[in-house]
Amino acid sequence: MTFDQVTEMVRLRSEADVLRPGDAAAQGATLTPEMI
């Protein structure tokens, strides 16, 4: 992974770690390699 990829991945992962209103709809959703 490039530095820019790592930076973006860590940012998105940190945001996903926080539960926000409306996230319940995404619970249980299947993640595909393309989505990831």
PDB file of all heavy atoms in Angstrom:
ATOM      1  N   MET A   1       0.856  -1.178   0.000  1.00  0.00           N
ATOM      2  CA  MET A   1       0.000   0.000   0.000  1.00  0.00           C
ATOM      3  C   MET A   1       0.896   1.233   0.000  1.00  0.00           C
ATOM      4  O   MET A   1       1.889   1.277   0.719  1.00  0.00           O
ATOM      5  CB  MET A   1      -0.933   0.015   1.215  1.00  0.00           C
ATOM      6  CG  MET A   1      -1.996  -1.073   1.195  1.00  0.00           C
ATOM      7  SD  MET A   1      -3.066  -1.066   2.672  1.00  0.00           S
ATOM      8  CE  MET A   1      -3.901   0.521   2.499  1.00  0.00           C
ATOM      9  N   THR A   2       0.525   2.231  -0.790  1.00  0.00           N
ATOM     10  CA  THR A   2       1.284   3.477  -0.802  1.00  0.00           C
ATOM     11  C   THR A   2       0.978   4.273   0.455  1.00  0.00           C
ATOM     12  O   THR A   2       0.016   3.993   1.175  1.00  0.00           O
ATOM     13  CB  THR A   2       0.926   4.322  -2.035  1.00  0.00           C
ATOM     14  OG1 THR A   2      -0.441   4.766  -1.918  1.00  0.00           O
ATOM     15  CG2 THR A   2       1.106   3.522  -3.322  1.00  0.00           C
ATOM     16  N   PHE A   3       1.792   5.292   0.696  1.00  0.00           N
ATOM     17  CA  PHE A   3       1.573   6.151   1.857  1.00  0.00           C
ATOM     18  C   PHE A   3       0.188   6.795   1.797  1.00  0.00           C
ATOM     19  O   PHE A   3      -0.527   6.854   2.800  1.00  0.00           O
ATOM     20  CB  PHE A   3       2.658   7.232   1.916  1.00  0.00           C
ATOM     21  CG  PHE A   3       2.439   8.245   3.004  1.00  0.00           C
ATOM     22  CD1 PHE A   3       2.743   7.947   4.323  1.00  0.00           C
ATOM     23  CD2 PHE A   3       1.905   9.501   2.724  1.00  0.00           C
ATOM     24  CE1 PHE A   3       2.533   8.875   5.333  1.00  0.00           C
ATOM     25  CE2 PHE A   3       1.696  10.428   3.718  1.00  0.00           C
ATOM     26  CZ  PHE A   3       2.013  10.123   5.029  1.00  0.00           C
ATOM     27  N   ASP A   4      -0.200   7.278   0.619  1.00  0.00           N
ATOM     28  CA  ASP A   4      -1.517   7.910   0.474  1.00  0.00           C
ATOM     29  C   ASP A   4      -2.641   6.909   0.722  1.00  0.00           C
ATOM     30  O   ASP A   4      -3.667   7.250   1.327  1.00  0.00           O
ATOM     31  CB  ASP A   4      -1.660   8.527  -0.918  1.00  0.00           C
ATOM     32  CG  ASP A   4      -0.746   9.727  -1.121  1.00  0.00           C
ATOM     33  OD1 ASP A   4      -0.332  10.328  -0.105  1.00  0.00           O
ATOM     34  OD2 ASP A   4      -0.437  10.058  -2.282  1.00  0.00           O
ATOM     35  N   GLN A   5      -2.465   5.675   0.267  1.00  0.00           N
ATOM     36  CA  GLN A   5      -3.484   4.645   0.514  1.00  0.00           C
ATOM     37  C   GLN A   5      -3.613   4.351   2.005  1.00  0.00           C
ATOM     38  O   GLN A   5      -4.728   4.209   2.516  1.00  0.00           O
ATOM     39  CB  GLN A   5      -3.128   3.365  -0.244  1.00  0.00           C
ATOM     40  CG  GLN A   5      -3.376   3.420  -1.736  1.00  0.00           C
ATOM     41  CD  GLN A   5      -2.931   2.136  -2.429  1.00  0.00           C
ATOM     42  OE1 GLN A   5      -1.848   1.598  -2.164  1.00  0.00           O
ATOM     43  NE2 GLN A   5      -3.772   1.635  -3.323  1.00  0.00           N
ATOM     44  N   VAL A   6      -2.484   4.235   2.679  1.00  0.00           N
ATOM     45  CA  VAL A   6      -2.510   3.970   4.119  1.00  0.00           C
ATOM     46  C   VAL A   6      -3.194   5.112   4.855  1.00  0.00           C
ATOM     47  O   VAL A   6      -4.029   4.899   5.749  1.00  0.00           O
ATOM     48  CB  VAL A   6      -1.087   3.758   4.661  1.00  0.00           C
ATOM     49  CG1 VAL A   6      -1.097   3.714   6.187  1.00  0.00           C
ATOM     50  CG2 VAL A   6      -0.489   2.468   4.109  1.00  0.00           C
ATOM     51  N   THR A   7      -2.861   6.346   4.470  1.00  0.00           N
ATOM     52  CA  THR A   7      -3.466   7.511   5.111  1.00  0.00           C
ATOM     53  C   THR A   7      -4.984   7.482   4.977  1.00  0.00           C
ATOM     54  O   THR A   7      -5.714   7.692   5.954  1.00  0.00           O
ATOM     55  CB  THR A   7      -2.920   8.812   4.487  1.00  0.00           C
ATOM     56  OG1 THR A   7      -1.495   8.849   4.636  1.00  0.00           O
ATOM     57  CG2 THR A   7      -3.518  10.032   5.163  1.00  0.00           C
ATOM     58  N   GLU A   8      -5.465   7.215   3.773  1.00  0.00           N
ATOM     59  CA  GLU A   8      -6.910   7.194   3.544  1.00  0.00           C
ATOM     60  C   GLU A   8      -7.562   6.011   4.244  1.00  0.00           C
ATOM     61  O   GLU A   8      -8.650   6.130   4.820  1.00  0.00           O
ATOM     62  CB  GLU A   8      -7.187   7.145   2.040  1.00  0.00           C
ATOM     63  CG  GLU A   8      -8.664   7.154   1.655  1.00  0.00           C
ATOM     64  CD  GLU A   8      -9.382   8.439   2.022  1.00  0.00           C
ATOM     65  OE1 GLU A   8      -8.723   9.396   2.501  1.00  0.00           O
ATOM     66  OE2 GLU A   8     -10.625   8.500   1.838  1.00  0.00           O
ATOM     67  N   MET A   9      -6.912   4.846   4.210  1.00  0.00           N
ATOM     68  CA  MET A   9      -7.475   3.665   4.864  1.00  0.00           C
ATOM     69  C   MET A   9      -7.632   3.880   6.362  1.00  0.00           C
ATOM     70  O   MET A   9      -8.670   3.571   6.953  1.00  0.00           O
ATOM     71  CB  MET A   9      -6.591   2.453   4.594  1.00  0.00           C
ATOM     72  CG  MET A   9      -7.128   1.140   5.176  1.00  0.00           C
ATOM     73  SD  MET A   9      -6.615   0.822   6.888  1.00  0.00           S
ATOM     74  CE  MET A   9      -4.912   0.357   6.633  1.00  0.00           C
ATOM     75  N   VAL A  10      -6.592   4.433   6.990  1.00  0.00           N
ATOM     76  CA  VAL A  10      -6.651   4.669   8.432  1.00  0.00           C
ATOM     77  C   VAL A  10      -7.735   5.688   8.761  1.00  0.00           C
ATOM     78  O   VAL A  10      -8.471   5.541   9.743  1.00  0.00           O
ATOM     79  CB  VAL A  10      -5.279   5.134   8.958  1.00  0.00           C
ATOM     80  CG1 VAL A  10      -5.382   5.595  10.407  1.00  0.00           C
ATOM     81  CG2 VAL A  10      -4.259   4.006   8.835  1.00  0.00           C
ATOM     82  N   ARG A  11      -7.867   6.715   7.925  1.00  0.00           N
ATOM     83  CA  ARG A  11      -8.906   7.726   8.159  1.00  0.00           C
ATOM     84  C   ARG A  11     -10.296   7.104   8.082  1.00  0.00           C
ATOM     85  O   ARG A  11     -11.140   7.309   8.971  1.00  0.00           O
ATOM     86  CB  ARG A  11      -8.796   8.848   7.129  1.00  0.00           C
ATOM     87  CG  ARG A  11      -9.784   9.994   7.349  1.00  0.00           C
ATOM     88  CD  ARG A  11      -9.723  11.015   6.238  1.00  0.00           C
ATOM     89  NE  ARG A  11     -10.251  10.493   4.992  1.00  0.00           N
ATOM     90  CZ  ARG A  11     -11.559  10.447   4.702  1.00  0.00           C
ATOM     91  NH1 ARG A  11     -12.453  10.868   5.591  1.00  0.00           N
ATOM     92  NH2 ARG A  11     -11.966   9.964   3.554  1.00  0.00           N
ATOM     93  N   LEU A  12     -10.550   6.322   7.055  1.00  0.00           N
ATOM     94  CA  LEU A  12     -11.868   5.705   6.891  1.00  0.00           C
ATOM     95  C   LEU A  12     -12.137   4.675   7.984  1.00  0.00           C
ATOM     96  O   LEU A  12     -13.262   4.550   8.471  1.00  0.00           O
ATOM     97  CB  LEU A  12     -11.964   5.048   5.514  1.00  0.00           C
ATOM     98  CG  LEU A  12     -11.959   6.005   4.318  1.00  0.00           C
ATOM     99  CD1 LEU A  12     -11.898   5.224   3.008  1.00  0.00           C
ATOM    100  CD2 LEU A  12     -13.200   6.893   4.342  1.00  0.00           C
ATOM    101  N   ARG A  13     -11.100   3.944   8.370  1.00  0.00           N
ATOM    102  CA  ARG A  13     -11.280   2.933   9.411  1.00  0.00           C
ATOM    103  C   ARG A  13     -11.592   3.598  10.747  1.00  0.00           C
ATOM    104  O   ARG A  13     -12.434   3.112  11.506  1.00  0.00           O
ATOM    105  CB  ARG A  13     -10.030   2.057   9.525  1.00  0.00           C
ATOM    106  CG  ARG A  13     -10.238   0.837  10.400  1.00  0.00           C
ATOM    107  CD  ARG A  13      -9.087  -0.130  10.312  1.00  0.00           C
ATOM    108  NE  ARG A  13      -7.899   0.336  11.017  1.00  0.00           N
ATOM    109  CZ  ARG A  13      -6.801  -0.400  11.196  1.00  0.00           C
ATOM    110  NH1 ARG A  13      -6.729  -1.624  10.684  1.00  0.00           N
ATOM    111  NH2 ARG A  13      -5.761   0.072  11.847  1.00  0.00           N
ATOM    112  N   SER A  14     -10.921   4.701  11.041  1.00  0.00           N
ATOM    113  CA  SER A  14     -11.179   5.418  12.290  1.00  0.00           C
ATOM    114  C   SER A  14     -12.610   5.946  12.324  1.00  0.00           C
ATOM    115  O   SER A  14     -13.281   5.893  13.359  1.00  0.00           O
ATOM    116  CB  SER A  14     -10.185   6.570  12.458  1.00  0.00           C
ATOM    117  OG  SER A  14      -8.866   6.083  12.551  1.00  0.00           O
ATOM    118  N   GLU A  15     -13.086   6.445  11.185  1.00  0.00           N
ATOM    119  CA  GLU A  15     -14.466   6.928  11.124  1.00  0.00           C
ATOM    120  C   GLU A  15     -15.457   5.788  11.300  1.00  0.00           C
ATOM    121  O   GLU A  15     -16.487   5.937  11.957  1.00  0.00           O
ATOM    122  CB  GLU A  15     -14.710   7.629   9.789  1.00  0.00           C
ATOM    123  CG  GLU A  15     -13.980   8.954   9.644  1.00  0.00           C
ATOM    124  CD  GLU A  15     -14.271   9.622   8.314  1.00  0.00           C
ATOM    125  OE1 GLU A  15     -15.036   9.034   7.514  1.00  0.00           O
ATOM    126  OE2 GLU A  15     -13.747  10.727   8.073  1.00  0.00           O
ATOM    127  N   ALA A  16     -15.144   4.637  10.719  1.00  0.00           N
ATOM    128  CA  ALA A  16     -16.054   3.490  10.827  1.00  0.00           C
ATOM    129  C   ALA A  16     -16.126   2.946  12.241  1.00  0.00           C
ATOM    130  O   ALA A  16     -17.100   2.287  12.616  1.00  0.00           O
ATOM    131  CB  ALA A  16     -15.611   2.383   9.864  1.00  0.00           C
ATOM    132  N   ASP A  17     -15.075   3.204  13.044  1.00  0.00           N
ATOM    133  CA  ASP A  17     -15.056   2.713  14.422  1.00  0.00           C
ATOM    134  C   ASP A  17     -16.038   3.464  15.324  1.00  0.00           C
ATOM    135  O   ASP A  17     -16.349   3.010  16.422  1.00  0.00           O
ATOM    136  CB  ASP A  17     -13.646   2.854  15.008  1.00  0.00           C
ATOM    137  CG  ASP A  17     -12.704   1.794  14.468  1.00  0.00           C
ATOM    138  OD1 ASP A  17     -13.184   0.858  13.801  1.00  0.00           O
ATOM    139  OD2 ASP A  17     -11.486   1.907  14.704  1.00  0.00           O
ATOM    140  N   VAL A  18     -16.513   4.606  14.867  1.00  0.00           N
ATOM    141  CA  VAL A  18     -17.413   5.426  15.680  1.00  0.00           C
ATOM    142  C   VAL A  18     -18.851   5.188  15.254  1.00  0.00           C
ATOM    143  O   VAL A  18     -19.194   5.311  14.080  1.00  0.00           O
ATOM    144  CB  VAL A  18     -17.060   6.926  15.537  1.00  0.00           C
ATOM    145  CG1 VAL A  18     -17.998   7.766  16.392  1.00  0.00           C
ATOM    146  CG2 VAL A  18     -15.613   7.167  15.935  1.00  0.00           C
ATOM    147  N   LEU A  19     -19.679   4.831  16.212  1.00  0.00           N
ATOM    148  CA  LEU A  19     -21.091   4.602  15.926  1.00  0.00           C
ATOM    149  C   LEU A  19     -21.829   5.935  15.847  1.00  0.00           C
ATOM    150  O   LEU A  19     -21.756   6.763  16.746  1.00  0.00           O
ATOM    151  CB  LEU A  19     -21.722   3.740  17.021  1.00  0.00           C
ATOM    152  CG  LEU A  19     -23.189   3.348  16.789  1.00  0.00           C
ATOM    153  CD1 LEU A  19     -23.321   2.452  15.567  1.00  0.00           C
ATOM    154  CD2 LEU A  19     -23.759   2.650  18.009  1.00  0.00           C
ATOM    155  N   ARG A  20     -22.522   6.153  14.729  1.00  0.00           N
ATOM    156  CA  ARG A  20     -23.250   7.391  14.522  1.00  0.00           C
ATOM    157  C   ARG A  20     -24.717   7.089  14.267  1.00  0.00           C
ATOM    158  O   ARG A  20     -25.068   5.979  13.857  1.00  0.00           O
ATOM    159  CB  ARG A  20     -22.663   8.160  13.327  1.00  0.00           C
ATOM    160  CG  ARG A  20     -21.217   8.593  13.533  1.00  0.00           C
ATOM    161  CD  ARG A  20     -20.686   9.300  12.299  1.00  0.00           C
ATOM    162  NE  ARG A  20     -19.342   9.803  12.506  1.00  0.00           N
ATOM    163  CZ  ARG A  20     -18.250   9.090  12.306  1.00  0.00           C
ATOM    164  NH1 ARG A  20     -18.360   7.836  11.917  1.00  0.00           N
ATOM    165  NH2 ARG A  20     -17.060   9.614  12.520  1.00  0.00           N
ATOM    166  N   PRO A  21     -25.601   8.065  14.460  1.00  0.00           N
ATOM    167  CA  PRO A  21     -27.017   7.856  14.161  1.00  0.00           C
ATOM    168  C   PRO A  21     -27.194   7.418  12.710  1.00  0.00           C
ATOM    169  O   PRO A  21     -26.589   7.967  11.790  1.00  0.00           O
ATOM    170  CB  PRO A  21     -27.627   9.244  14.408  1.00  0.00           C
ATOM    171  CG  PRO A  21     -26.706   9.883  15.381  1.00  0.00           C
ATOM    172  CD  PRO A  21     -25.335   9.404  15.029  1.00  0.00           C
ATOM    173  N   GLY A  22     -28.033   6.409  12.510  1.00  0.00           N
ATOM    174  CA  GLY A  22     -28.290   5.916  11.166  1.00  0.00           C
ATOM    175  C   GLY A  22     -27.421   4.753  10.764  1.00  0.00           C
ATOM    176  O   GLY A  22     -27.638   4.133   9.723  1.00  0.00           O
ATOM    177  N   ASP A  23     -26.397   4.430  11.577  1.00  0.00           N
ATOM    178  CA  ASP A  23     -25.513   3.322  11.240  1.00  0.00           C
ATOM    179  C   ASP A  23     -26.201   1.969  11.368  1.00  0.00           C
ATOM    180  O   ASP A  23     -25.736   0.991  10.806  1.00  0.00           O
ATOM    181  CB  ASP A  23     -24.277   3.323  12.145  1.00  0.00           C
ATOM    182  CG  ASP A  23     -23.274   4.383  11.718  1.00  0.00           C
ATOM    183  OD1 ASP A  23     -23.511   5.007  10.671  1.00  0.00           O
ATOM    184  OD2 ASP A  23     -22.288   4.583  12.425  1.00  0.00           O
ATOM    185  N   ALA A  24     -27.289   1.920  12.111  1.00  0.00           N
ATOM    186  CA  ALA A  24     -27.954   0.641  12.345  1.00  0.00           C
ATOM    187  C   ALA A  24     -28.362  -0.024  11.043  1.00  0.00           C
ATOM    188  O   ALA A  24     -28.382  -1.250  10.925  1.00  0.00           O
ATOM    189  CB  ALA A  24     -29.176   0.837  13.238  1.00  0.00           C
ATOM    190  N   ALA A  25     -28.665   0.771  10.004  1.00  0.00           N
ATOM    191  CA  ALA A  25     -29.096   0.198   8.733  1.00  0.00           C
ATOM    192  C   ALA A  25     -27.978  -0.593   8.069  1.00  0.00           C
ATOM    193  O   ALA A  25     -28.217  -1.512   7.288  1.00  0.00           O
ATOM    194  CB  ALA A  25     -29.561   1.314   7.794  1.00  0.00           C
ATOM    195  N   ALA A  26     -26.734  -0.222   8.389  1.00  0.00           N
ATOM    196  CA  ALA A  26     -25.588  -0.899   7.770  1.00  0.00           C
ATOM    197  C   ALA A  26     -25.153  -2.136   8.536  1.00  0.00           C
ATOM    198  O   ALA A  26     -24.335  -2.908   8.053  1.00  0.00           O
ATOM    199  CB  ALA A  26     -24.407   0.066   7.660  1.00  0.00           C
ATOM    200  N   GLN A  27     -25.704  -2.342   9.720  1.00  0.00           N
ATOM    201  CA  GLN A  27     -25.291  -3.474  10.531  1.00  0.00           C
ATOM    202  C   GLN A  27     -25.694  -4.785   9.863  1.00  0.00           C
ATOM    203  O   GLN A  27     -26.808  -4.935   9.379  1.00  0.00           O
ATOM    204  CB  GLN A  27     -25.915  -3.385  11.920  1.00  0.00           C
ATOM    205  CG  GLN A  27     -25.390  -2.201  12.735  1.00  0.00           C
ATOM    206  CD  GLN A  27     -26.133  -2.039  14.041  1.00  0.00           C
ATOM    207  OE1 GLN A  27     -26.757  -2.979  14.500  1.00  0.00           O
ATOM    208  NE2 GLN A  27     -26.068  -0.852  14.616  1.00  0.00           N
ATOM    209  N   GLY A  28     -24.747  -5.701   9.809  1.00  0.00           N
ATOM    210  CA  GLY A  28     -25.028  -6.993   9.216  1.00  0.00           C
ATOM    211  C   GLY A  28     -24.832  -7.022   7.720  1.00  0.00           C
ATOM    212  O   GLY A  28     -24.978  -8.071   7.093  1.00  0.00           O
ATOM    213  N   ALA A  29     -24.506  -5.877   7.095  1.00  0.00           N
ATOM    214  CA  ALA A  29     -24.296  -5.844   5.662  1.00  0.00           C
ATOM    215  C   ALA A  29     -23.046  -6.628   5.300  1.00  0.00           C
ATOM    216  O   ALA A  29     -22.054  -6.602   6.015  1.00  0.00           O
ATOM    217  CB  ALA A  29     -24.180  -4.408   5.178  1.00  0.00           C
ATOM    218  N   THR A  30     -23.083  -7.338   4.171  1.00  0.00           N
ATOM    219  CA  THR A  30     -21.938  -8.095   3.702  1.00  0.00           C
ATOM    220  C   THR A  30     -21.004  -7.194   2.917  1.00  0.00           C
ATOM    221  O   THR A  30     -21.436  -6.451   2.039  1.00  0.00           O
ATOM    222  CB  THR A  30     -22.402  -9.266   2.815  1.00  0.00           C
ATOM    223  OG1 THR A  30     -23.105 -10.206   3.609  1.00  0.00           O
ATOM    224  CG2 THR A  30     -21.209  -9.962   2.179  1.00  0.00           C
ATOM    225  N   LEU A  31     -19.728  -7.265   3.236  1.00  0.00           N
ATOM    226  CA  LEU A  31     -18.722  -6.485   2.526  1.00  0.00           C
ATOM    227  C   LEU A  31     -18.024  -7.375   1.505  1.00  0.00           C
ATOM    228  O   LEU A  31     -17.533  -8.456   1.841  1.00  0.00           O
ATOM    229  CB  LEU A  31     -17.698  -5.912   3.501  1.00  0.00           C
ATOM    230  CG  LEU A  31     -18.198  -4.832   4.463  1.00  0.00           C
ATOM    231  CD1 LEU A  31     -17.103  -4.458   5.458  1.00  0.00           C
ATOM    232  CD2 LEU A  31     -18.641  -3.601   3.701  1.00  0.00           C
ATOM    233  N   THR A  32     -17.988  -6.945   0.262  1.00  0.00           N
ATOM    234  CA  THR A  32     -17.285  -7.670  -0.790  1.00  0.00           C
ATOM    235  C   THR A  32     -15.891  -7.066  -0.962  1.00  0.00           C
ATOM    236  O   THR A  32     -15.621  -5.941  -0.516  1.00  0.00           O
ATOM    237  CB  THR A  32     -18.038  -7.563  -2.116  1.00  0.00           C
ATOM    238  OG1 THR A  32     -18.029  -6.183  -2.541  1.00  0.00           O
ATOM    239  CG2 THR A  32     -19.476  -8.035  -1.968  1.00  0.00           C
ATOM    240  N   PRO A  33     -14.969  -7.793  -1.624  1.00  0.00           N
ATOM    241  CA  PRO A  33     -13.650  -7.219  -1.874  1.00  0.00           C
ATOM    242  C   PRO A  33     -13.727  -5.883  -2.618  1.00  0.00           C
ATOM    243  O   PRO A  33     -12.962  -4.953  -2.317  1.00  0.00           O
ATOM    244  CB  PRO A  33     -12.948  -8.287  -2.714  1.00  0.00           C
ATOM    245  CG  PRO A  33     -13.580  -9.570  -2.271  1.00  0.00           C
ATOM    246  CD  PRO A  33     -15.020  -9.220  -2.021  1.00  0.00           C
ATOM    247  N   GLU A  34     -14.647  -5.778  -3.571  1.00  0.00           N
ATOM    248  CA  GLU A  34     -14.790  -4.536  -4.319  1.00  0.00           C
ATOM    249  C   GLU A  34     -15.233  -3.397  -3.410  1.00  0.00           C
ATOM    250  O   GLU A  34     -14.731  -2.266  -3.517  1.00  0.00           O
ATOM    251  CB  GLU A  34     -15.797  -4.718  -5.464  1.00  0.00           C
ATOM    252  CG  GLU A  34     -15.358  -5.686  -6.559  1.00  0.00           C
ATOM    253  CD  GLU A  34     -15.429  -7.145  -6.127  1.00  0.00           C
ATOM    254  OE1 GLU A  34     -16.157  -7.453  -5.138  1.00  0.00           O
ATOM    255  OE2 GLU A  34     -14.723  -7.977  -6.737  1.00  0.00           O
ATOM    256  N   MET A  35     -16.171  -3.667  -2.524  1.00  0.00           N
ATOM    257  CA  MET A  35     -16.630  -2.642  -1.585  1.00  0.00           C
ATOM    258  C   MET A  35     -15.517  -2.212  -0.641  1.00  0.00           C
ATOM    259  O   MET A  35     -15.383  -1.033  -0.311  1.00  0.00           O
ATOM    260  CB  MET A  35     -17.835  -3.173  -0.789  1.00  0.00           C
ATOM    261  CG  MET A  35     -19.085  -3.403  -1.617  1.00  0.00           C
ATOM    262  SD  MET A  35     -20.372  -4.289  -0.685  1.00  0.00           S
ATOM    263  CE  MET A  35     -20.666  -3.151   0.655  1.00  0.00           C
ATOM    264  N   ILE A  36     -14.707  -3.172  -0.210  1.00  0.00           N
ATOM    265  CA  ILE A  36     -13.621  -2.857   0.719  1.00  0.00           C
ATOM    266  C   ILE A  36     -12.590  -1.962   0.035  1.00  0.00           C
ATOM    267  O   ILE A  36     -12.094  -1.007   0.632  1.00  0.00           O
ATOM    268  CB  ILE A  36     -12.979  -4.151   1.246  1.00  0.00           C
ATOM    269  CG1 ILE A  36     -13.964  -4.898   2.144  1.00  0.00           C
ATOM    270  CG2 ILE A  36     -11.696  -3.849   2.013  1.00  0.00           C
ATOM    271  CD1 ILE A  36     -13.505  -6.270   2.560  1.00  0.00           C
TER     272      ILE A  36
END
